[in-house]
Amino acid sequence: MAERRKFKKRYCKYCEAKVEFIDYKDLAMFKFSLSERFKIMPRRLTGNCKKHQEMVTVAIKRARQTALIPYIVDRKNVVENPFEFIK
C-alpha cells in the first residue's frame, strides 16, 4: 500500500502574534493572504484560523473599497511583482 504523505501542520500567524484586530490600512499585515492577482487565499492554504480569516477578508474588502488594493490585476499589463508598492 502507498504511504500517506505527512504534511506539516499549518498555524495561524495572527494567533501566534496575538493579534486582536486586523486594520485595513496595514497592508503589510495581510499581504500574505493575497495571491499574485490580489485574490483572497483560502484558509487551507494560509493556515489562518476561522476568526482571523474572517477579519482578514473584511480588511481586504475594505482596503479594496478605499482603493488601497486593486480589485483585479489586468492580464495584459503584467507586473512582475504586484506587491512592490505594498511595504
C-alpha atoms as a PDB file:
ATOM      1  CA  MET A   1       0.000   0.000   0.000  1.00  0.00           C
ATOM      2  CA  ALA A   2       1.072   3.512  -0.670  1.00  0.00           C
ATOM      3  CA  GLU A   3       2.170   5.527   2.315  1.00  0.00           C
ATOM      4  CA  ARG A   4       0.261   8.652   3.134  1.00  0.00           C
ATOM      5  CA  ARG A   5       2.110  11.906   2.865  1.00  0.00           C
ATOM      6  CA  LYS A   6       2.621  13.750   6.083  1.00  0.00           C
ATOM      7  CA  PHE A   7       2.226  17.460   5.751  1.00  0.00           C
ATOM      8  CA  LYS A   8       3.423  19.882   8.356  1.00  0.00           C
ATOM      9  CA  LYS A   9       0.739  21.476  10.464  1.00  0.00           C
ATOM     10  CA  ARG A  10      -0.188  24.946   9.309  1.00  0.00           C
ATOM     11  CA  TYR A  11      -0.608  27.518  12.040  1.00  0.00           C
ATOM     12  CA  CYS A  12      -2.318  30.858  12.289  1.00  0.00           C
ATOM     13  CA  LYS A  13       0.238  33.675  12.133  1.00  0.00           C
ATOM     14  CA  TYR A  14      -2.186  36.060  13.774  1.00  0.00           C
ATOM     15  CA  CYS A  15      -2.876  33.772  16.765  1.00  0.00           C
ATOM     16  CA  GLU A  16       0.843  33.295  17.255  1.00  0.00           C
ATOM     17  CA  ALA A  17       1.390  37.085  17.240  1.00  0.00           C
ATOM     18  CA  LYS A  18      -1.710  37.540  19.457  1.00  0.00           C
ATOM     19  CA  VAL A  19      -3.378  39.977  17.071  1.00  0.00           C
ATOM     20  CA  GLU A  20      -6.772  41.199  18.273  1.00  0.00           C
ATOM     21  CA  PHE A  21      -7.790  43.318  15.273  1.00  0.00           C
ATOM     22  CA  ILE A  22      -6.587  43.494  11.661  1.00  0.00           C
ATOM     23  CA  ASP A  23      -6.728  47.036  10.318  1.00  0.00           C
ATOM     24  CA  TYR A  24      -7.448  47.586   6.630  1.00  0.00           C
ATOM     25  CA  LYS A  25      -4.790  50.321   6.435  1.00  0.00           C
ATOM     26  CA  ASP A  26      -1.992  47.983   7.484  1.00  0.00           C
ATOM     27  CA  LEU A  27      -1.337  46.400   4.082  1.00  0.00           C
ATOM     28  CA  ALA A  28       1.817  44.569   5.125  1.00  0.00           C
ATOM     29  CA  MET A  29      -0.122  42.548   7.681  1.00  0.00           C
ATOM     30  CA  PHE A  30      -2.458  40.817   5.236  1.00  0.00           C
ATOM     31  CA  LYS A  31      -0.118  40.823   2.251  1.00  0.00           C
ATOM     32  CA  PHE A  32       0.462  37.075   2.706  1.00  0.00           C
ATOM     33  CA  SER A  33      -3.267  36.378   2.437  1.00  0.00           C
ATOM     34  CA  LEU A  34      -3.407  37.645  -1.153  1.00  0.00           C
ATOM     35  CA  SER A  35      -2.339  35.871  -4.329  1.00  0.00           C
ATOM     36  CA  GLU A  36      -0.334  37.463  -7.161  1.00  0.00           C
ATOM     37  CA  ARG A  37      -3.584  38.633  -8.716  1.00  0.00           C
ATOM     38  CA  PHE A  38      -4.827  40.076  -5.410  1.00  0.00           C
ATOM     39  CA  LYS A  39      -7.333  37.300  -4.795  1.00  0.00           C
ATOM     40  CA  ILE A  40      -8.033  36.297  -1.199  1.00  0.00           C
ATOM     41  CA  MET A  41      -6.344  32.990  -0.446  1.00  0.00           C
ATOM     42  CA  PRO A  42      -8.354  30.327   1.409  1.00  0.00           C
ATOM     43  CA  ARG A  43      -7.738  29.138   4.953  1.00  0.00           C
ATOM     44  CA  ARG A  44      -6.406  25.771   3.862  1.00  0.00           C
ATOM     45  CA  LEU A  45      -3.515  27.483   2.061  1.00  0.00           C
ATOM     46  CA  THR A  46      -2.715  30.260   4.525  1.00  0.00           C
ATOM     47  CA  GLY A  47      -3.297  28.294   7.716  1.00  0.00           C
ATOM     48  CA  ASN A  48      -5.334  31.035   9.349  1.00  0.00           C
ATOM     49  CA  CYS A  49      -7.947  30.176  11.939  1.00  0.00           C
ATOM     50  CA  LYS A  50     -11.593  30.942  11.184  1.00  0.00           C
ATOM     51  CA  LYS A  51     -11.737  34.073  13.331  1.00  0.00           C
ATOM     52  CA  HIS A  52      -8.666  35.680  11.792  1.00  0.00           C
ATOM     53  CA  GLN A  53      -9.562  34.601   8.237  1.00  0.00           C
ATOM     54  CA  GLU A  54     -12.867  36.442   8.569  1.00  0.00           C
ATOM     55  CA  MET A  55     -11.054  39.525   9.890  1.00  0.00           C
ATOM     56  CA  VAL A  56      -8.559  39.366   7.002  1.00  0.00           C
ATOM     57  CA  THR A  57     -11.387  39.064   4.482  1.00  0.00           C
ATOM     58  CA  VAL A  58     -13.200  42.095   5.868  1.00  0.00           C
ATOM     59  CA  ALA A  59      -9.956  44.110   5.976  1.00  0.00           C
ATOM     60  CA  ILE A  60      -9.089  43.241   2.364  1.00  0.00           C
ATOM     61  CA  LYS A  61     -12.571  44.146   1.176  1.00  0.00           C
ATOM     62  CA  ARG A  62     -12.384  47.492   2.995  1.00  0.00           C
ATOM     63  CA  ALA A  63      -8.932  48.182   1.553  1.00  0.00           C
ATOM     64  CA  ARG A  64     -10.272  47.469  -1.938  1.00  0.00           C
ATOM     65  CA  GLN A  65     -13.160  49.843  -1.408  1.00  0.00           C
ATOM     66  CA  THR A  66     -10.811  52.638  -0.304  1.00  0.00           C
ATOM     67  CA  ALA A  67      -8.573  51.919  -3.349  1.00  0.00           C
ATOM     68  CA  LEU A  68      -5.551  50.766  -1.346  1.00  0.00           C
ATOM     69  CA  ILE A  69      -5.614  47.406  -3.161  1.00  0.00           C
ATOM     70  CA  PRO A  70      -6.900  46.830  -6.697  1.00  0.00           C
ATOM     71  CA  TYR A  71      -9.899  44.599  -7.257  1.00  0.00           C
ATOM     72  CA  ILE A  72      -8.276  42.808 -10.188  1.00  0.00           C
ATOM     73  CA  VAL A  73      -4.933  42.796 -11.939  1.00  0.00           C
ATOM     74  CA  ASP A  74      -5.090  43.244 -15.703  1.00  0.00           C
ATOM     75  CA  ARG A  75      -3.800  40.243 -17.626  1.00  0.00           C
ATOM     76  CA  LYS A  76      -2.500  42.374 -20.483  1.00  0.00           C
ATOM     77  CA  ASN A  77      -0.360  44.638 -18.312  1.00  0.00           C
ATOM     78  CA  VAL A  78       1.526  42.018 -16.335  1.00  0.00           C
ATOM     79  CA  VAL A  79       3.540  43.310 -13.400  1.00  0.00           C
ATOM     80  CA  GLU A  80       6.493  41.253 -12.176  1.00  0.00           C
ATOM     81  CA  ASN A  81       5.875  41.916  -8.512  1.00  0.00           C
ATOM     82  CA  PRO A  82       2.411  43.278  -7.689  1.00  0.00           C
ATOM     83  CA  PHE A  83       3.346  43.732  -4.015  1.00  0.00           C
ATOM     84  CA  GLU A  84       6.202  46.153  -4.653  1.00  0.00           C
ATOM     85  CA  PHE A  85       4.032  49.138  -3.765  1.00  0.00           C
ATOM     86  CA  ILE A  86       2.920  47.466  -0.527  1.00  0.00           C
ATOM     87  CA  LYS A  87       5.645  47.996   2.052  1.00  0.00           C
END
